[in-house]
Structures are given as C-alpha cells and as structure tokens.
C-alpha cells in the first residue's frame, strides 16, 4: 500500500532530519577532537553513522511502499559548544527534536489510518527512548566529574570503546 501524499512528505522530512542529525554529530565530534578527547569524538562519530542508518531505514520504508524517497536541503550545523557538557547537552536537545518529529510522524500515520508504518515507527519510538537515556547518563557522568581532569580522561577512554557498525541497514 502506497503512502498518502501527506505521509510521503512527512517521511521525506524525517529522512532529511536524520541526515541532518548525522551532520550535527559529526560537527560535535570535531569539537571534541579539537579538545583532545578522542574517545568522545569517536563516540559522536559512531552516533553520526547510526543516524545515517536511521535515514536509510526510512528511505527503505518509503521505497518499499512504492513511493519516492527524497533527501531535502540540509544546512550546515553550527557548533556553539565549548565543553563536553555543552556537547552532550546539544546532543540531547537534538535527540529530543528527533523524538518529537517521530512522535508526530506516528500521530500522522495513525490519523491517515496507515497501520503498515507502525512496526517501523514503534522501533523508532523505542530507539529514541534509548538514545535520550544514554545521553542523559553521559551528561550525568560529566556533571559528576566536574572539573576533575583525570575523571574526564577516564570517561573519554571509556567512550572510546564504542565501535561504529557502519551506515548500512542490517
């Protein structure tokens, strides 16, 4: 069953938002790299890759429904961060924006009577809960560390363990 024109447009907007999220995370990774925190930079790069996977999931869904996926215009992200705490607060704010967009997409799918989108959207709702919780945990750790340089380096080393799984849908 094809998506309605309104749903096709909304899914394409979500595709663009997911690619935009990837750019935001890439820029934040650059900021952490410049502060000599390669573990945090690597974590953010892996997150950027994950956002591309998310975009690809939406692209596949739109294409599988015999619609036309389109990536919209993207603006370059602006980084106004100076500390790791700023970086992860910016990350959380962006994830909250993405979460609300997915909830709105879910609401529209329900209003349009589109039950075929539910499995995908349910997966994304669950994923966003996890994303926000993970970033809130990192923020809590950074706040607990405060000005303790050794603590920040330990957290940076811990975050270096995250590996990117690539950008293709598994």
C-alpha atoms as a PDB file:
ATOM      1  CA  UNK A   1       0.000   0.000   0.000  1.00  0.00           C
ATOM      2  CA  UNK A   2       1.382   3.358  -1.038  1.00  0.00           C
ATOM      3  CA  UNK A   3       1.862   6.117   1.485  1.00  0.00           C
ATOM      4  CA  UNK A   4      -0.551   9.006   1.209  1.00  0.00           C
ATOM      5  CA  UNK A   5       0.990  12.201  -0.175  1.00  0.00           C
ATOM      6  CA  UNK A   6       0.991  13.723   3.324  1.00  0.00           C
ATOM      7  CA  UNK A   7       2.776  10.691   4.782  1.00  0.00           C
ATOM      8  CA  UNK A   8       5.259  10.538   1.919  1.00  0.00           C
ATOM      9  CA  UNK A   9       6.130  14.182   2.577  1.00  0.00           C
ATOM     10  CA  UNK A  10       6.420  13.589   6.335  1.00  0.00           C
ATOM     11  CA  UNK A  11       8.647  10.537   5.850  1.00  0.00           C
ATOM     12  CA  UNK A  12      10.865  12.511   3.467  1.00  0.00           C
ATOM     13  CA  UNK A  13      11.125  15.287   6.055  1.00  0.00           C
ATOM     14  CA  UNK A  14      12.197  12.661   8.603  1.00  0.00           C
ATOM     15  CA  UNK A  15      14.811  11.311   6.194  1.00  0.00           C
ATOM     16  CA  UNK A  16      16.247  14.813   5.893  1.00  0.00           C
ATOM     17  CA  UNK A  17      16.159  15.300   9.665  1.00  0.00           C
ATOM     18  CA  UNK A  18      18.063  12.037  10.210  1.00  0.00           C
ATOM     19  CA  UNK A  19      20.780  13.059   7.743  1.00  0.00           C
ATOM     20  CA  UNK A  20      20.896  16.447   9.472  1.00  0.00           C
ATOM     21  CA  UNK A  21      21.348  14.697  12.819  1.00  0.00           C
ATOM     22  CA  UNK A  22      24.334  12.885  11.360  1.00  0.00           C
ATOM     23  CA  UNK A  23      25.902  16.220  10.406  1.00  0.00           C
ATOM     24  CA  UNK A  24      25.238  17.620  13.879  1.00  0.00           C
ATOM     25  CA  UNK A  25      27.017  14.654  15.459  1.00  0.00           C
ATOM     26  CA  UNK A  26      29.926  14.941  13.013  1.00  0.00           C
ATOM     27  CA  UNK A  27      30.371  18.601  13.919  1.00  0.00           C
ATOM     28  CA  UNK A  28      30.207  17.830  17.641  1.00  0.00           C
ATOM     29  CA  UNK A  29      32.816  15.108  17.079  1.00  0.00           C
ATOM     30  CA  UNK A  30      35.095  17.701  15.519  1.00  0.00           C
ATOM     31  CA  UNK A  31      34.674  19.906  18.580  1.00  0.00           C
ATOM     32  CA  UNK A  32      35.691  17.061  20.914  1.00  0.00           C
ATOM     33  CA  UNK A  33      38.628  16.149  18.697  1.00  0.00           C
ATOM     34  CA  UNK A  34      39.848  19.746  18.966  1.00  0.00           C
ATOM     35  CA  UNK A  35      39.669  19.433  22.751  1.00  0.00           C
ATOM     36  CA  UNK A  36      41.873  16.323  22.678  1.00  0.00           C
ATOM     37  CA  UNK A  37      39.040  13.997  23.707  1.00  0.00           C
ATOM     38  CA  UNK A  38      39.316  11.312  21.016  1.00  0.00           C
ATOM     39  CA  UNK A  39      37.078   8.837  22.843  1.00  0.00           C
ATOM     40  CA  UNK A  40      34.176  11.265  22.922  1.00  0.00           C
ATOM     41  CA  UNK A  41      34.903  12.254  19.325  1.00  0.00           C
ATOM     42  CA  UNK A  42      34.807   8.608  18.280  1.00  0.00           C
ATOM     43  CA  UNK A  43      31.553   8.038  20.189  1.00  0.00           C
ATOM     44  CA  UNK A  44      29.998  11.009  18.404  1.00  0.00           C
ATOM     45  CA  UNK A  45      31.244   9.790  15.004  1.00  0.00           C
ATOM     46  CA  UNK A  46      29.652   6.387  15.694  1.00  0.00           C
ATOM     47  CA  UNK A  47      26.443   8.210  16.596  1.00  0.00           C
ATOM     48  CA  UNK A  48      26.638  10.132  13.314  1.00  0.00           C
ATOM     49  CA  UNK A  49      26.920   6.826  11.449  1.00  0.00           C
ATOM     50  CA  UNK A  50      23.910   5.481  13.345  1.00  0.00           C
ATOM     51  CA  UNK A  51      21.845   8.466  12.218  1.00  0.00           C
ATOM     52  CA  UNK A  52      22.622   7.560   8.605  1.00  0.00           C
ATOM     53  CA  UNK A  53      21.400   4.026   9.323  1.00  0.00           C
ATOM     54  CA  UNK A  54      18.184   5.581  10.639  1.00  0.00           C
ATOM     55  CA  UNK A  55      17.793   7.666   7.489  1.00  0.00           C
ATOM     56  CA  UNK A  56      18.365   4.550   5.401  1.00  0.00           C
ATOM     57  CA  UNK A  57      15.620   2.693   7.302  1.00  0.00           C
ATOM     58  CA  UNK A  58      13.177   5.455   6.457  1.00  0.00           C
ATOM     59  CA  UNK A  59      14.356   5.525   2.819  1.00  0.00           C
ATOM     60  CA  UNK A  60      13.833   1.777   2.533  1.00  0.00           C
ATOM     61  CA  UNK A  61      10.343   2.025   4.027  1.00  0.00           C
ATOM     62  CA  UNK A  62       9.293   4.773   1.624  1.00  0.00           C
ATOM     63  CA  UNK A  63      10.715   2.898  -1.363  1.00  0.00           C
ATOM     64  CA  UNK A  64       9.161  -0.405  -0.243  1.00  0.00           C
ATOM     65  CA  UNK A  65       5.787   1.334  -0.162  1.00  0.00           C
ATOM     66  CA  UNK A  66       6.182   2.300  -3.836  1.00  0.00           C
ATOM     67  CA  UNK A  67       6.817   5.950  -3.013  1.00  0.00           C
ATOM     68  CA  UNK A  68       9.765   8.189  -3.819  1.00  0.00           C
ATOM     69  CA  UNK A  69      12.287   8.891  -1.031  1.00  0.00           C
ATOM     70  CA  UNK A  70      13.825  12.356  -1.266  1.00  0.00           C
ATOM     71  CA  UNK A  71      16.567  13.960   0.778  1.00  0.00           C
ATOM     72  CA  UNK A  72      15.718  17.603   1.341  1.00  0.00           C
ATOM     73  CA  UNK A  73      18.037  20.554   1.716  1.00  0.00           C
ATOM     74  CA  UNK A  74      20.401  20.467   4.672  1.00  0.00           C
ATOM     75  CA  UNK A  75      22.009  23.403   6.420  1.00  0.00           C
ATOM     76  CA  UNK A  76      25.494  23.096   7.852  1.00  0.00           C
ATOM     77  CA  UNK A  77      25.343  22.577  11.606  1.00  0.00           C
ATOM     78  CA  UNK A  78      26.510  25.412  13.820  1.00  0.00           C
ATOM     79  CA  UNK A  79      28.531  24.382  16.856  1.00  0.00           C
ATOM     80  CA  UNK A  80      28.308  26.784  19.756  1.00  0.00           C
ATOM     81  CA  UNK A  81      29.832  24.455  22.304  1.00  0.00           C
ATOM     82  CA  UNK A  82      32.930  24.867  24.410  1.00  0.00           C
ATOM     83  CA  UNK A  83      32.876  21.951  26.857  1.00  0.00           C
ATOM     84  CA  UNK A  84      31.989  18.257  26.800  1.00  0.00           C
ATOM     85  CA  UNK A  85      28.918  19.126  28.864  1.00  0.00           C
ATOM     86  CA  UNK A  86      27.827  21.625  26.200  1.00  0.00           C
ATOM     87  CA  UNK A  87      28.353  18.979  23.504  1.00  0.00           C
ATOM     88  CA  UNK A  88      26.188  16.379  25.185  1.00  0.00           C
ATOM     89  CA  UNK A  89      23.501  18.873  26.177  1.00  0.00           C
ATOM     90  CA  UNK A  90      23.368  19.879  22.499  1.00  0.00           C
ATOM     91  CA  UNK A  91      23.167  16.177  21.594  1.00  0.00           C
ATOM     92  CA  UNK A  92      20.265  15.651  23.981  1.00  0.00           C
ATOM     93  CA  UNK A  93      18.408  18.688  22.646  1.00  0.00           C
ATOM     94  CA  UNK A  94      18.807  17.392  19.115  1.00  0.00           C
ATOM     95  CA  UNK A  95      17.651  13.883  20.056  1.00  0.00           C
ATOM     96  CA  UNK A  96      14.595  15.394  21.731  1.00  0.00           C
ATOM     97  CA  UNK A  97      13.827  17.233  18.487  1.00  0.00           C
ATOM     98  CA  UNK A  98      14.142  13.982  16.530  1.00  0.00           C
ATOM     99  CA  UNK A  99      11.979  12.156  19.090  1.00  0.00           C
ATOM    100  CA  UNK A 100       9.207  14.707  18.753  1.00  0.00           C
ATOM    101  CA  UNK A 101       9.395  14.502  14.970  1.00  0.00           C
ATOM    102  CA  UNK A 102       8.993  10.723  15.115  1.00  0.00           C
ATOM    103  CA  UNK A 103       6.047  11.042  17.507  1.00  0.00           C
ATOM    104  CA  UNK A 104       4.443  13.496  15.082  1.00  0.00           C
ATOM    105  CA  UNK A 105       5.054  11.079  12.217  1.00  0.00           C
ATOM    106  CA  UNK A 106       3.412   8.337  14.295  1.00  0.00           C
ATOM    107  CA  UNK A 107       0.410  10.585  15.001  1.00  0.00           C
ATOM    108  CA  UNK A 108       0.051  11.386  11.299  1.00  0.00           C
ATOM    109  CA  UNK A 109       0.287   7.712  10.341  1.00  0.00           C
ATOM    110  CA  UNK A 110      -2.477   6.950  12.837  1.00  0.00           C
ATOM    111  CA  UNK A 111      -4.619   9.820  11.558  1.00  0.00           C
ATOM    112  CA  UNK A 112      -4.145   8.558   7.992  1.00  0.00           C
ATOM    113  CA  UNK A 113      -5.057   5.008   9.055  1.00  0.00           C
ATOM    114  CA  UNK A 114      -1.645   3.748   7.947  1.00  0.00           C
ATOM    115  CA  UNK A 115      -1.024   0.641  10.044  1.00  0.00           C
ATOM    116  CA  UNK A 116       1.783  -0.529   7.749  1.00  0.00           C
ATOM    117  CA  UNK A 117       4.110   2.127   9.181  1.00  0.00           C
ATOM    118  CA  UNK A 118       3.565   1.064  12.800  1.00  0.00           C
ATOM    119  CA  UNK A 119       6.317  -1.583  13.062  1.00  0.00           C
ATOM    120  CA  UNK A 120       8.933   0.857  11.782  1.00  0.00           C
ATOM    121  CA  UNK A 121       7.659   3.737  13.904  1.00  0.00           C
ATOM    122  CA  UNK A 122       7.402   1.545  17.009  1.00  0.00           C
ATOM    123  CA  UNK A 123      11.059   0.613  16.524  1.00  0.00           C
ATOM    124  CA  UNK A 124      12.000   4.286  16.261  1.00  0.00           C
ATOM    125  CA  UNK A 125       9.987   5.308  19.325  1.00  0.00           C
ATOM    126  CA  UNK A 126      11.836   2.665  21.349  1.00  0.00           C
ATOM    127  CA  UNK A 127      15.176   3.675  19.824  1.00  0.00           C
ATOM    128  CA  UNK A 128      14.645   7.334  20.755  1.00  0.00           C
ATOM    129  CA  UNK A 129      13.870   6.456  24.373  1.00  0.00           C
ATOM    130  CA  UNK A 130      17.195   4.590  24.460  1.00  0.00           C
ATOM    131  CA  UNK A 131      19.080   7.417  22.703  1.00  0.00           C
ATOM    132  CA  UNK A 132      17.857  10.064  25.124  1.00  0.00           C
ATOM    133  CA  UNK A 133      18.531   7.878  28.174  1.00  0.00           C
ATOM    134  CA  UNK A 134      22.096   7.157  27.039  1.00  0.00           C
ATOM    135  CA  UNK A 135      22.888  10.811  26.507  1.00  0.00           C
ATOM    136  CA  UNK A 136      21.292  11.819  29.823  1.00  0.00           C
ATOM    137  CA  UNK A 137      23.539   9.244  31.501  1.00  0.00           C
ATOM    138  CA  UNK A 138      26.621  10.737  29.835  1.00  0.00           C
ATOM    139  CA  UNK A 139      25.533  14.223  30.926  1.00  0.00           C
ATOM    140  CA  UNK A 140      25.127  12.957  34.489  1.00  0.00           C
ATOM    141  CA  UNK A 141      28.608  11.469  34.442  1.00  0.00           C
ATOM    142  CA  UNK A 142      30.135  14.669  33.087  1.00  0.00           C
ATOM    143  CA  UNK A 143      28.332  16.723  35.734  1.00  0.00           C
ATOM    144  CA  UNK A 144      29.570  14.354  38.444  1.00  0.00           C
ATOM    145  CA  UNK A 145      33.127  14.646  37.132  1.00  0.00           C
ATOM    146  CA  UNK A 146      33.007  18.447  37.117  1.00  0.00           C
ATOM    147  CA  UNK A 147      36.485  19.932  36.827  1.00  0.00           C
ATOM    148  CA  UNK A 148      38.294  16.666  37.573  1.00  0.00           C
ATOM    149  CA  UNK A 149      40.596  16.299  34.564  1.00  0.00           C
ATOM    150  CA  UNK A 150      41.506  12.721  35.414  1.00  0.00           C
ATOM    151  CA  UNK A 151      37.834  11.819  35.629  1.00  0.00           C
ATOM    152  CA  UNK A 152      37.153  13.403  32.249  1.00  0.00           C
ATOM    153  CA  UNK A 153      40.029  11.466  30.689  1.00  0.00           C
ATOM    154  CA  UNK A 154      38.681   8.236  32.207  1.00  0.00           C
ATOM    155  CA  UNK A 155      35.222   8.899  30.753  1.00  0.00           C
ATOM    156  CA  UNK A 156      36.830   9.736  27.413  1.00  0.00           C
ATOM    157  CA  UNK A 157      38.707   6.424  27.481  1.00  0.00           C
ATOM    158  CA  UNK A 158      35.519   4.531  28.360  1.00  0.00           C
ATOM    159  CA  UNK A 159      33.644   6.176  25.492  1.00  0.00           C
ATOM    160  CA  UNK A 160      36.385   5.142  23.065  1.00  0.00           C
ATOM    161  CA  UNK A 161      35.162   1.532  23.377  1.00  0.00           C
ATOM    162  CA  UNK A 162      32.094   2.234  21.222  1.00  0.00           C
ATOM    163  CA  UNK A 163      32.524   0.937  17.714  1.00  0.00           C
ATOM    164  CA  UNK A 164      30.657   2.141  14.654  1.00  0.00           C
ATOM    165  CA  UNK A 165      28.647  -0.526  12.909  1.00  0.00           C
ATOM    166  CA  UNK A 166      28.719   1.308   9.599  1.00  0.00           C
ATOM    167  CA  UNK A 167      25.939   3.127   7.822  1.00  0.00           C
ATOM    168  CA  UNK A 168      24.038   0.350   6.059  1.00  0.00           C
ATOM    169  CA  UNK A 169      20.816  -1.108   7.406  1.00  0.00           C
ATOM    170  CA  UNK A 170      21.489  -4.540   8.877  1.00  0.00           C
END
